[in-house]
Amino acid sequence: MTAPAELIVLGPVATLAGGAGPGWAEALAVRGGRVVAAGSRPQVEALAGPGTRRLELAPDEAAIPGLTDAHLHLAAAAMARRAVDLAGVVTIDELIRRVRAFAAAYPDPEPWIEGGGWDADALGRWPTADDLERAAPDRRVAVWAHDHHALLASARALAEAGIDDARSDPGGGVIRRDASGHATGVLHETAAGLVGSLIPPAAETAIGDAIEALTLELVGLGVVAAHDPGGLSPTPGLGGPMGAYRLLAARGRLRVRVHACLRPEQMEAAIARGLRSGSPLGPDPLDRLRLGWLKTFADGSLGSRTAALLEPLDPFPGEPDPPNGGYGVWLTPPAELRAQAARAAAAGIATQVHGIGDAAVRAALDALAPTVGATPLMPRVEHAQLVSFADMPRFAALGVAASVQPVHVRSDAVQARRLWGARAEARGYALAAIAGTGAVVAAGTDAPVEPVDPWPGVACAITRSAPDWAPGTPPFGPQNALDLWASLRAWCVAPAVTAGERDRGRLVPGQRADIVVLPAAALADPVEVGGALWFARPRLVLMDGEVVAGG
């Protein structure tokens, strides 16, 4: 005799069954943390027993599967909460005020002042070490640009790193200089490592505490899993964030499912330990921590003018000479990308390649193609912000996933239109064009580059516009908009598919019962700019059929 359901959810449930649309069910049943039935109320009620719990949705509510953030620098975002926040700063004076206030709150002159969030375009010019000297004289200061592809360092930090006017640019990096050749304090790409390598890593316990605090917030937003591409002091011995994750998992304190990624400098240590993509990373009573991908970088970013392009940036008045004549910067040359991906695949480790410009995306696809099928995880191109028309069909044809961050449309549209010209709207952030070929398109936030809240990204994929844009600003490339359910699949189904998790992302029999209860208004179609979906907040979140947020 079949055991009765432990939980029955009564109310409209978007199961995301099939390949399109919501797949509505009237109810679902859960046993052993998994969905055992989804269908009509009588069908599901027939599985109830004396001890069955019932969750009756309100008339104005609906349920969907839990979200997975496919590109969330979780450890870095968590630690960023404990640093100086320069997001939204629009004047140099305000940047100075914020750094000065942080320095006053932490007057010990020896520890580093860290932070980030500044945007040269919003500030009207590139900030300098002289600006930091006004804010925190003779302090070690290192603050990232909002895209994490340029670092602003103080004079003391530059001096300790040996960066002066005579220091040459490192391979894959640029030391920004003024017209007289003087190093200004901004370090692009690998040049940032000259200073970054001097900053002492945070203790694993501190990182773990910060991660746990942030994951509690994530669960409240409906995010039940995250793919962390790394970025916080990765160490060859797999300590730092990886150690913090293992510590949390072993103690049963990892609140969301995590695939933690490696950086190239960690790969040999991982191989020596026999780690494989998808494998557990240590004792984990909740079974929530697994090894993700090797994360490597083809190019830089749009904002730092270092995205690798097939054609140079469009010049515009007042723009200083961009790196490499506007063609961007290769952080890892194509031949080395291929070698890294091949080495990882041979050891059972999947690769994801950061590729923002169209030249970088092409090189990433070339590097990843021979590795398809080598591991349970799909190889992925991260960001894929500008893609050649010729390369769009290659994602599906090769079996390479596109990992995208739709919220970047909101923050990047002005820069993309300015720097990439007509090609920006024709083939920039081309979600629908890539998905339309049958490719797997997984969505994420890219926090801490963007906020951790996923819902503006869910909405922005559909509207291609944002409520904080100037009145009258047209949508960005509206032909590449996803519909409501395609956007939700990019957050619920596709990330799990790329991670080889065939038992997550839908609410159908056999799947994990990760359930998010939302206001029904958030799922209203058509989606309006600034409407309910933008600001959605779950009333209740369940993982494996147990309430983890709300009540």
Protein backbone atom coordinates (compact mmCIF):
# COMPACT_ATOMS: atom_id res chain seq x y z
CA MET A 1 0.00 0.00 0.00
CA THR A 2 1.31 3.45 -0.95
CA ALA A 3 2.01 5.70 2.01
CA PRO A 4 -0.16 8.82 2.21
CA ALA A 5 1.15 12.23 1.25
CA GLU A 6 2.85 14.17 4.02
CA LEU A 7 1.82 17.54 2.56
CA ILE A 8 -0.84 18.68 0.13
CA VAL A 9 -0.71 22.12 -1.46
CA LEU A 10 -4.14 23.33 -2.56
CA GLY A 11 -4.36 26.23 -4.98
CA PRO A 12 -3.03 27.18 -8.41
CA VAL A 13 0.46 25.75 -8.94
CA ALA A 14 2.58 26.61 -11.97
CA THR A 15 4.43 23.30 -12.29
CA LEU A 16 6.44 24.39 -15.38
CA ALA A 17 5.79 20.93 -16.79
CA GLY A 18 6.51 20.47 -20.48
CA GLY A 19 8.53 22.83 -22.63
CA ALA A 20 6.45 26.01 -22.49
CA GLY A 21 3.74 27.73 -20.49
CA PRO A 22 2.92 27.49 -16.79
CA GLY A 23 1.64 23.90 -16.65
CA TRP A 24 -1.05 24.81 -14.14
CA ALA A 25 -2.22 22.24 -11.59
CA GLU A 26 -4.95 22.66 -8.99
CA ALA A 27 -2.95 20.96 -6.27
CA LEU A 28 0.13 18.87 -5.55
CA ALA A 29 1.14 16.22 -3.06
CA VAL A 30 4.51 15.80 -1.34
CA ARG A 31 6.08 12.77 0.31
CA GLY A 32 9.67 12.31 1.39
CA GLY A 33 10.53 15.83 0.28
CA ARG A 34 9.44 15.18 -3.31
CA VAL A 35 6.36 15.83 -5.39
CA VAL A 36 4.36 12.63 -5.83
CA ALA A 37 1.35 14.06 -7.67
CA ALA A 38 0.28 17.27 -9.40
CA GLY A 39 -3.17 17.58 -10.89
CA SER A 40 -6.77 18.19 -9.94
CA ARG A 41 -7.83 18.68 -6.33
CA PRO A 42 -9.75 15.36 -6.20
CA GLN A 43 -6.76 13.45 -7.61
CA VAL A 44 -4.41 14.94 -5.06
CA GLU A 45 -6.82 14.78 -2.11
CA ALA A 46 -7.12 11.04 -2.74
CA LEU A 47 -3.51 10.72 -1.55
CA ALA A 48 -4.21 12.27 1.85
CA GLY A 49 -4.07 10.36 5.10
CA PRO A 50 -4.81 11.12 8.77
CA GLY A 51 -1.47 12.85 9.29
CA THR A 52 -1.33 14.79 6.03
CA ARG A 53 -0.63 18.51 6.39
CA ARG A 54 -2.50 20.91 4.15
CA LEU A 55 -1.31 24.21 2.74
CA GLU A 56 -4.27 26.11 1.34
CA LEU A 57 -3.26 29.06 -0.81
CA ALA A 58 -5.20 32.30 -0.46
CA PRO A 59 -7.48 33.24 -3.38
CA ASP A 60 -4.94 35.85 -4.51
CA GLU A 61 -1.90 33.52 -4.37
CA ALA A 62 -0.16 31.02 -6.62
CA ALA A 63 2.83 28.72 -6.28
CA ILE A 64 5.87 28.23 -8.51
CA PRO A 65 9.09 26.20 -8.19
CA GLY A 66 11.97 27.66 -6.18
CA LEU A 67 14.42 29.87 -8.05
CA THR A 68 18.09 29.13 -8.68
CA ASP A 69 20.49 32.02 -9.19
CA ALA A 70 22.79 30.66 -11.88
CA HIS A 71 25.44 33.36 -11.40
CA LEU A 72 25.69 34.68 -7.86
CA HIS A 73 29.08 35.43 -6.33
CA LEU A 74 27.61 34.32 -3.04
CA ALA A 75 30.67 34.50 -0.81
CA ALA A 76 31.81 37.78 -2.36
CA ALA A 77 28.32 39.29 -2.11
CA ALA A 78 28.11 38.23 1.51
CA MET A 79 31.43 39.82 2.42
CA ALA A 80 30.58 42.96 0.43
CA ARG A 81 27.92 43.64 3.05
CA ARG A 82 30.80 44.29 5.45
CA ALA A 83 32.67 46.78 3.25
CA VAL A 84 32.22 50.38 2.08
CA ASP A 85 29.31 50.59 -0.35
CA LEU A 86 29.82 52.92 -3.33
CA ALA A 87 26.83 51.74 -5.35
CA GLY A 88 24.72 54.59 -6.66
CA VAL A 89 27.39 57.23 -6.08
CA VAL A 90 27.13 59.88 -8.80
CA THR A 91 29.76 62.45 -7.72
CA ILE A 92 33.39 62.24 -6.69
CA ASP A 93 32.55 64.26 -3.58
CA GLU A 94 30.02 61.63 -2.50
CA LEU A 95 32.55 58.83 -3.13
CA ILE A 96 35.01 60.68 -0.91
CA ARG A 97 32.40 61.20 1.80
CA ARG A 98 31.49 57.54 1.93
CA VAL A 99 35.09 56.35 2.11
CA ARG A 100 35.88 59.01 4.72
CA ALA A 101 32.93 57.94 6.87
CA PHE A 102 33.95 54.28 6.66
CA ALA A 103 37.56 55.15 7.54
CA ALA A 104 36.36 57.16 10.55
CA ALA A 105 34.30 54.20 11.75
CA TYR A 106 37.38 51.96 11.50
CA PRO A 107 40.25 54.25 12.57
CA ASP A 108 42.95 51.56 12.94
CA PRO A 109 45.35 52.61 10.14
CA GLU A 110 46.65 49.12 9.38
CA PRO A 111 43.67 47.06 8.14
CA TRP A 112 42.66 47.54 4.53
CA ILE A 113 39.57 49.51 3.60
CA GLU A 114 37.73 47.44 1.02
CA GLY A 115 34.51 47.96 -0.89
CA GLY A 116 33.10 48.66 -4.29
CA GLY A 117 30.22 49.73 -6.47
CA TRP A 118 31.54 52.91 -8.14
CA ASP A 119 30.78 53.57 -11.80
CA ALA A 120 33.03 55.86 -13.85
CA ASP A 121 30.19 56.74 -16.24
CA ALA A 122 27.92 57.78 -13.37
CA LEU A 123 30.75 59.78 -11.76
CA GLY A 124 31.54 61.60 -14.98
CA ARG A 125 35.23 60.60 -14.87
CA TRP A 126 37.51 57.88 -13.60
CA PRO A 127 38.21 58.27 -9.87
CA THR A 128 41.84 58.46 -8.77
CA ALA A 129 44.19 57.61 -5.93
CA ASP A 130 44.27 61.35 -5.17
CA ASP A 131 40.52 61.21 -4.49
CA LEU A 132 41.09 58.40 -2.00
CA GLU A 133 43.90 60.36 -0.37
CA ARG A 134 41.41 63.14 0.36
CA ALA A 135 39.09 60.57 1.93
CA ALA A 136 41.53 58.44 3.90
CA PRO A 137 45.06 59.85 3.96
CA ASP A 138 47.84 57.26 3.96
CA ARG A 139 45.39 54.36 4.31
CA ARG A 140 45.42 51.15 2.31
CA VAL A 141 42.24 51.39 0.23
CA ALA A 142 41.03 49.09 -2.57
CA VAL A 143 37.52 49.54 -3.94
CA TRP A 144 36.09 47.74 -6.95
CA ALA A 145 34.11 49.25 -9.78
CA HIS A 146 30.52 48.05 -9.95
CA ASP A 147 31.42 45.45 -12.60
CA HIS A 148 34.42 44.13 -10.63
CA HIS A 149 36.70 44.59 -13.63
CA ALA A 150 38.50 47.71 -12.39
CA LEU A 151 40.00 48.38 -8.97
CA LEU A 152 40.66 51.83 -7.52
CA ALA A 153 43.65 51.77 -5.18
CA SER A 154 45.04 54.39 -2.85
CA ALA A 155 48.55 55.83 -3.11
CA ARG A 156 49.80 53.69 -0.22
CA ALA A 157 48.31 50.55 -1.78
CA LEU A 158 49.91 51.38 -5.14
CA ALA A 159 53.28 51.98 -3.53
CA GLU A 160 53.20 48.69 -1.61
CA ALA A 161 52.31 46.88 -4.84
CA GLY A 162 55.25 48.49 -6.62
CA ILE A 163 53.04 50.37 -9.06
CA ASP A 164 54.58 53.60 -10.26
CA ASP A 165 54.80 55.44 -13.56
CA ALA A 166 57.52 53.10 -14.80
CA ARG A 167 55.62 49.88 -14.05
CA SER A 168 54.50 48.20 -17.28
CA ASP A 169 51.06 46.72 -17.78
CA PRO A 170 50.79 43.03 -16.87
CA GLY A 171 49.51 40.59 -19.45
CA GLY A 172 45.71 40.81 -19.62
CA GLY A 173 45.65 44.01 -17.58
CA VAL A 174 45.89 47.78 -17.86
CA ILE A 175 47.28 50.35 -15.42
CA ARG A 176 45.23 53.44 -16.21
CA ARG A 177 47.40 56.53 -16.73
CA ASP A 178 46.80 60.21 -17.35
CA ALA A 179 48.02 62.17 -20.37
CA SER A 180 51.49 62.51 -18.86
CA GLY A 181 51.81 58.76 -18.24
CA HIS A 182 51.19 58.97 -14.47
CA ALA A 183 49.44 55.94 -12.92
CA THR A 184 46.12 57.30 -11.69
CA GLY A 185 45.09 54.53 -9.31
CA VAL A 186 42.66 52.57 -11.49
CA LEU A 187 43.77 49.03 -12.32
CA HIS A 188 41.91 47.08 -15.00
CA GLU A 189 41.55 43.29 -15.10
CA THR A 190 44.71 41.37 -14.12
CA ALA A 191 46.42 44.59 -13.06
CA ALA A 192 43.99 44.65 -10.12
CA GLY A 193 45.72 41.54 -8.83
CA LEU A 194 48.89 43.52 -8.21
CA VAL A 195 47.10 45.16 -5.30
CA GLY A 196 44.51 42.47 -4.60
CA SER A 197 47.19 39.90 -3.84
CA LEU A 198 48.38 42.05 -0.92
CA ILE A 199 45.03 42.06 0.89
CA PRO A 200 44.92 39.43 3.65
CA PRO A 201 42.13 36.90 3.09
CA ALA A 202 39.21 36.86 5.47
CA ALA A 203 38.96 34.03 7.99
CA GLU A 204 36.79 31.11 6.92
CA THR A 205 34.58 31.54 9.97
CA ALA A 206 33.91 35.19 9.09
CA ILE A 207 33.12 34.25 5.48
CA GLY A 208 30.82 31.48 6.67
CA ASP A 209 28.92 33.75 9.03
CA ALA A 210 28.44 36.29 6.24
CA ILE A 211 27.27 33.59 3.79
CA GLU A 212 24.75 32.23 6.27
CA ALA A 213 23.29 35.68 6.88
CA LEU A 214 22.91 36.36 3.16
CA THR A 215 21.42 32.94 2.39
CA LEU A 216 18.68 33.56 4.93
CA GLU A 217 17.79 36.66 2.91
CA LEU A 218 17.96 34.71 -0.35
CA VAL A 219 15.56 32.06 0.86
CA GLY A 220 13.13 34.80 1.83
CA LEU A 221 13.28 36.02 -1.77
CA GLY A 222 12.44 32.56 -3.11
CA VAL A 223 16.00 31.61 -4.11
CA VAL A 224 16.67 28.02 -3.01
CA ALA A 225 19.93 27.40 -4.88
CA ALA A 226 22.92 29.30 -6.23
CA HIS A 227 25.86 28.71 -8.54
CA ASP A 228 28.80 30.64 -7.10
CA PRO A 229 31.42 31.39 -9.79
CA GLY A 230 33.86 32.45 -7.07
CA GLY A 231 35.78 35.68 -6.84
CA LEU A 232 36.65 36.10 -3.17
CA SER A 233 40.32 35.36 -2.52
CA PRO A 234 40.42 31.88 -4.06
CA THR A 235 43.35 29.92 -2.68
CA PRO A 236 45.18 27.05 -4.36
CA GLY A 237 44.63 24.81 -1.33
CA LEU A 238 40.82 25.16 -1.60
CA GLY A 239 40.51 27.16 1.58
CA GLY A 240 38.87 30.58 1.85
CA PRO A 241 35.28 30.57 0.53
CA MET A 242 35.44 26.87 -0.38
CA GLY A 243 36.50 26.08 3.17
CA ALA A 244 33.72 28.28 4.53
CA TYR A 245 31.15 26.44 2.42
CA ARG A 246 32.40 23.07 3.63
CA LEU A 247 32.25 24.25 7.24
CA LEU A 248 28.67 25.48 6.87
CA ALA A 249 27.57 22.32 5.07
CA ALA A 250 29.11 20.02 7.68
CA ARG A 251 27.23 21.89 10.42
CA GLY A 252 23.90 21.77 8.56
CA ARG A 253 23.89 25.55 8.25
CA LEU A 254 23.99 25.92 4.47
CA ARG A 255 20.56 27.43 3.86
CA VAL A 256 20.49 27.05 0.07
CA ARG A 257 21.85 24.48 -2.37
CA VAL A 258 25.23 25.62 -3.70
CA HIS A 259 27.43 24.63 -6.59
CA ALA A 260 30.78 26.23 -5.70
CA CYS A 261 33.14 26.90 -8.58
CA LEU A 262 36.89 26.76 -8.93
CA ARG A 263 39.21 29.35 -10.41
CA PRO A 264 42.17 28.24 -12.57
CA GLU A 265 44.66 28.60 -9.73
CA GLN A 266 42.63 26.08 -7.69
CA MET A 267 42.19 23.46 -10.39
CA GLU A 268 45.28 21.34 -9.71
CA ALA A 269 44.46 21.12 -6.00
CA ALA A 270 40.92 19.99 -6.87
CA ILE A 271 42.20 17.38 -9.31
CA ALA A 272 44.70 16.10 -6.75
CA ARG A 273 41.84 15.60 -4.29
CA GLY A 274 39.79 13.72 -6.86
CA LEU A 275 37.01 16.32 -6.96
CA ARG A 276 34.60 16.17 -9.88
CA SER A 277 31.86 18.51 -11.03
CA GLY A 278 28.66 17.57 -9.22
CA SER A 279 30.46 15.71 -6.46
CA PRO A 280 29.89 16.52 -2.76
CA LEU A 281 32.57 18.71 -1.20
CA GLY A 282 32.59 17.04 2.20
CA PRO A 283 30.29 15.98 5.02
CA ASP A 284 26.90 17.50 4.29
CA PRO A 285 23.86 16.16 6.17
CA LEU A 286 21.48 18.30 4.10
CA ASP A 287 23.13 17.34 0.77
CA ARG A 288 23.38 20.95 -0.40
CA LEU A 289 27.02 21.54 -1.36
CA ARG A 290 28.60 20.29 -4.57
CA LEU A 291 31.48 21.22 -6.81
CA GLY A 292 30.43 23.34 -9.75
CA TRP A 293 32.50 24.45 -12.70
CA LEU A 294 35.96 25.72 -13.42
CA LYS A 295 35.32 29.43 -13.91
CA THR A 296 37.74 31.15 -16.25
CA PHE A 297 37.75 34.47 -18.06
CA ALA A 298 38.04 35.23 -21.75
CA ASP A 299 37.68 39.02 -21.50
CA GLY A 300 36.73 41.96 -19.31
CA SER A 301 33.54 44.01 -19.25
CA LEU A 302 31.49 46.62 -21.05
CA GLY A 303 31.85 49.27 -18.32
CA SER A 304 35.63 48.96 -18.13
CA ARG A 305 35.89 48.99 -21.95
CA THR A 306 37.70 45.64 -21.80
CA ALA A 307 35.14 43.31 -23.40
CA ALA A 308 36.84 41.54 -26.35
CA LEU A 309 35.15 42.60 -29.58
CA LEU A 310 35.17 41.57 -33.23
CA GLU A 311 34.89 45.27 -34.12
CA PRO A 312 36.14 48.15 -31.95
CA LEU A 313 34.04 50.31 -29.64
CA ASP A 314 32.07 53.09 -31.27
CA PRO A 315 33.91 56.34 -30.44
CA PHE A 316 31.94 59.17 -28.89
CA PRO A 317 32.87 62.69 -27.75
CA GLY A 318 34.76 62.85 -24.50
CA GLU A 319 35.60 59.14 -24.31
CA PRO A 320 39.32 58.62 -23.57
CA ASP A 321 41.28 56.17 -25.64
CA PRO A 322 40.01 52.70 -24.67
CA PRO A 323 42.34 49.72 -24.13
CA ASN A 324 43.72 47.99 -27.22
CA GLY A 325 42.20 50.46 -29.64
CA GLY A 326 38.68 49.62 -28.51
CA TYR A 327 38.95 45.89 -29.20
CA GLY A 328 39.07 45.07 -25.48
CA VAL A 329 41.37 42.86 -23.47
CA TRP A 330 41.93 39.10 -23.48
CA LEU A 331 42.24 38.02 -19.87
CA THR A 332 42.94 34.51 -21.12
CA PRO A 333 44.04 34.07 -24.74
CA PRO A 334 41.87 31.70 -26.81
CA ALA A 335 44.54 29.00 -27.00
CA GLU A 336 44.88 28.99 -23.24
CA LEU A 337 41.10 28.86 -22.80
CA ARG A 338 41.03 25.70 -24.89
CA ALA A 339 43.86 24.17 -22.87
CA GLN A 340 42.18 24.99 -19.55
CA ALA A 341 38.83 23.55 -20.60
CA ALA A 342 40.46 20.40 -21.97
CA ARG A 343 42.51 19.86 -18.82
CA ALA A 344 39.43 20.30 -16.64
CA ALA A 345 37.26 18.00 -18.78
CA ALA A 346 39.88 15.25 -18.67
CA ALA A 347 39.61 15.38 -14.87
CA GLY A 348 35.80 15.38 -14.84
CA ILE A 349 35.42 19.10 -14.21
CA ALA A 350 33.10 21.20 -16.37
CA THR A 351 34.07 24.71 -17.45
CA GLN A 352 32.24 28.00 -17.62
CA VAL A 353 33.86 30.88 -19.48
CA HIS A 354 33.22 34.56 -18.76
CA GLY A 355 32.57 36.00 -22.20
CA ILE A 356 30.99 39.43 -22.63
CA GLY A 357 32.16 40.71 -26.02
CA ASP A 358 31.34 38.89 -29.26
CA ALA A 359 34.97 37.91 -29.85
CA ALA A 360 35.14 36.43 -26.34
CA VAL A 361 31.87 34.53 -26.77
CA ARG A 362 33.15 33.00 -30.00
CA ALA A 363 36.41 31.96 -28.34
CA ALA A 364 34.48 30.52 -25.39
CA LEU A 365 32.27 28.41 -27.65
CA ASP A 366 35.34 27.17 -29.50
CA ALA A 367 37.02 26.21 -26.23
CA LEU A 368 33.97 24.52 -24.72
CA ALA A 369 32.78 22.56 -27.75
CA PRO A 370 35.23 19.63 -27.30
CA THR A 371 34.22 19.27 -23.62
CA VAL A 372 30.48 18.77 -24.09
CA GLY A 373 29.33 15.55 -22.42
CA ALA A 374 32.52 15.08 -20.43
CA THR A 375 30.75 15.72 -17.11
CA PRO A 376 27.15 15.73 -15.81
CA LEU A 377 27.30 19.55 -15.84
CA MET A 378 26.85 21.50 -19.07
CA PRO A 379 29.68 23.77 -20.16
CA ARG A 380 28.50 27.39 -20.09
CA VAL A 381 29.30 30.82 -21.43
CA GLU A 382 28.73 33.35 -18.66
CA HIS A 383 27.11 36.68 -19.56
CA ALA A 384 27.12 36.38 -23.39
CA GLN A 385 26.19 40.04 -23.58
CA LEU A 386 27.12 40.64 -27.22
CA VAL A 387 26.91 37.68 -29.58
CA SER A 388 27.52 37.50 -33.31
CA PHE A 389 24.51 36.35 -35.34
CA ALA A 390 26.70 33.53 -36.64
CA ASP A 391 27.37 32.28 -33.10
CA MET A 392 23.83 32.37 -31.70
CA PRO A 393 22.82 28.95 -33.12
CA ARG A 394 26.05 27.37 -31.86
CA PHE A 395 24.89 27.23 -28.22
CA ALA A 396 22.14 24.73 -29.03
CA ALA A 397 24.08 22.96 -31.76
CA LEU A 398 27.06 22.35 -29.48
CA GLY A 399 25.19 21.72 -26.24
CA VAL A 400 26.69 24.74 -24.46
CA ALA A 401 24.43 26.73 -22.12
CA ALA A 402 24.14 30.52 -22.04
CA SER A 403 24.23 31.84 -18.46
CA VAL A 404 22.78 35.35 -18.60
CA GLN A 405 21.87 38.15 -16.20
CA PRO A 406 18.80 39.95 -17.59
CA VAL A 407 19.04 42.73 -14.99
CA HIS A 408 22.14 43.97 -16.82
CA VAL A 409 19.77 45.30 -19.47
CA ARG A 410 18.58 47.78 -16.85
CA SER A 411 22.04 48.89 -15.78
CA ASP A 412 23.97 48.57 -19.05
CA ALA A 413 21.60 49.93 -21.70
CA VAL A 414 23.02 53.46 -21.76
CA GLN A 415 26.63 52.26 -21.96
CA ALA A 416 25.82 49.54 -24.48
CA ARG A 417 24.05 51.96 -26.80
CA ARG A 418 26.93 54.42 -26.47
CA LEU A 419 29.85 52.01 -26.80
CA TRP A 420 28.47 49.30 -29.07
CA GLY A 421 26.24 51.43 -31.25
CA ALA A 422 23.65 49.76 -33.48
CA ARG A 423 25.00 46.27 -32.79
CA ALA A 424 23.99 46.64 -29.13
CA GLU A 425 20.24 46.47 -29.70
CA ALA A 426 20.51 44.16 -32.70
CA ARG A 427 22.39 41.40 -30.90
CA GLY A 428 23.07 42.54 -27.34
CA TYR A 429 21.61 40.58 -24.41
CA ALA A 430 19.91 38.45 -27.08
CA LEU A 431 17.95 36.18 -24.75
CA ALA A 432 15.10 35.34 -27.10
CA ALA A 433 17.33 34.88 -30.13
CA ILE A 434 19.58 32.40 -28.32
CA ALA A 435 16.72 30.60 -26.56
CA GLY A 436 14.81 30.44 -29.85
CA THR A 437 17.44 28.13 -31.30
CA GLY A 438 16.73 25.56 -28.57
CA ALA A 439 19.63 26.52 -26.33
CA VAL A 440 19.49 26.24 -22.55
CA VAL A 441 19.40 29.80 -21.18
CA ALA A 442 19.92 30.05 -17.41
CA ALA A 443 19.48 33.31 -15.51
CA GLY A 444 21.16 34.90 -12.50
CA THR A 445 21.83 38.24 -10.83
CA ASP A 446 25.65 38.56 -10.92
CA ALA A 447 25.52 39.90 -7.35
CA PRO A 448 27.37 41.78 -5.92
CA VAL A 449 27.68 43.52 -9.31
CA GLU A 450 23.89 43.81 -9.07
CA PRO A 451 21.58 43.38 -6.05
CA VAL A 452 20.78 39.85 -4.91
CA ASP A 453 17.04 40.35 -5.45
CA PRO A 454 16.17 38.16 -8.48
CA TRP A 455 12.78 39.64 -9.29
CA PRO A 456 13.89 42.75 -11.24
CA GLY A 457 15.89 40.36 -13.45
CA VAL A 458 12.90 38.07 -13.93
CA ALA A 459 10.90 41.11 -15.04
CA CYS A 460 13.62 42.83 -17.06
CA ALA A 461 14.00 39.79 -19.31
CA ILE A 462 10.40 40.41 -20.32
CA THR A 463 10.07 44.20 -20.39
CA ARG A 464 13.60 45.07 -21.65
CA SER A 465 13.02 48.32 -19.79
CA ALA A 466 13.15 49.48 -16.20
CA PRO A 467 11.08 51.75 -13.95
CA ASP A 468 14.09 53.92 -13.09
CA TRP A 469 14.86 54.82 -16.72
CA ALA A 470 14.22 58.37 -17.90
CA PRO A 471 10.67 58.88 -19.19
CA GLY A 472 10.38 58.12 -22.88
CA THR A 473 13.42 55.82 -23.02
CA PRO A 474 12.53 53.02 -25.43
CA PRO A 475 12.92 49.34 -24.50
CA PHE A 476 16.34 47.88 -25.24
CA GLY A 477 16.17 45.38 -28.11
CA PRO A 478 12.51 44.43 -27.52
CA GLN A 479 12.76 41.67 -30.13
CA ASN A 480 14.88 39.75 -27.63
CA ALA A 481 12.32 39.81 -24.82
CA LEU A 482 11.27 36.53 -23.20
CA ASP A 483 7.68 35.88 -22.24
CA LEU A 484 6.72 35.47 -18.58
CA TRP A 485 7.01 31.71 -18.46
CA ALA A 486 10.20 31.54 -20.50
CA SER A 487 11.75 33.98 -18.04
CA LEU A 488 10.65 31.91 -15.04
CA ARG A 489 12.00 28.75 -16.67
CA ALA A 490 15.35 30.51 -17.04
CA TRP A 491 15.36 30.96 -13.24
CA CYS A 492 13.76 27.68 -12.14
CA VAL A 493 14.41 24.95 -14.70
CA ALA A 494 17.45 25.91 -16.79
CA PRO A 495 19.98 26.41 -13.97
CA ALA A 496 19.18 22.95 -12.60
CA VAL A 497 19.56 21.46 -16.09
CA THR A 498 23.00 23.01 -16.50
CA ALA A 499 24.01 21.54 -13.12
CA GLY A 500 22.87 18.05 -14.10
CA GLU A 501 20.06 18.17 -11.53
CA ARG A 502 17.19 16.48 -13.29
CA ASP A 503 15.16 16.37 -10.09
CA ARG A 504 14.80 20.11 -9.52
CA GLY A 505 13.15 23.09 -11.16
CA ARG A 506 9.66 21.76 -11.87
CA LEU A 507 6.83 20.72 -9.57
CA VAL A 508 6.02 17.35 -11.12
CA PRO A 509 6.27 13.83 -9.69
CA GLY A 510 9.82 12.89 -8.72
CA GLN A 511 11.03 16.48 -8.35
CA ARG A 512 12.18 18.04 -5.10
CA ALA A 513 9.37 19.96 -3.45
CA ASP A 514 10.97 23.42 -3.55
CA ILE A 515 7.92 25.68 -3.57
CA VAL A 516 7.49 29.46 -3.58
CA VAL A 517 4.10 31.00 -2.75
CA LEU A 518 3.65 34.39 -4.43
CA PRO A 519 0.95 37.00 -4.86
CA ALA A 520 -0.94 35.97 -8.00
CA ALA A 521 -0.56 39.55 -9.26
CA ALA A 522 3.16 38.91 -9.72
CA LEU A 523 2.30 36.31 -12.36
CA ALA A 524 -0.14 38.50 -14.27
CA ASP A 525 0.48 38.75 -18.00
CA PRO A 526 1.36 41.10 -19.65
CA VAL A 527 4.15 42.14 -17.31
CA GLU A 528 4.28 45.88 -16.74
CA VAL A 529 7.42 47.93 -16.18
CA GLY A 530 7.53 48.53 -12.45
CA GLY A 531 4.58 46.20 -11.91
CA ALA A 532 4.05 43.49 -9.30
CA LEU A 533 6.65 41.08 -10.72
CA TRP A 534 9.44 43.64 -10.24
CA PHE A 535 8.79 43.79 -6.52
CA ALA A 536 7.55 40.25 -5.86
CA ARG A 537 8.00 38.92 -2.35
CA PRO A 538 7.05 35.36 -1.42
CA ARG A 539 4.73 34.76 1.52
CA LEU A 540 6.08 31.27 2.01
CA VAL A 541 9.08 29.25 0.77
CA LEU A 542 9.53 25.51 1.13
CA MET A 543 12.55 23.31 0.46
CA ASP A 544 12.02 19.56 0.24
CA GLY A 545 8.47 20.20 1.42
CA GLU A 546 9.50 21.98 4.62
CA VAL A 547 8.93 25.66 5.34
CA VAL A 548 12.21 27.59 5.33
CA ALA A 549 10.88 31.16 5.07
CA GLY A 550 7.60 32.85 5.92
CA GLY A 551 4.91 31.21 7.93
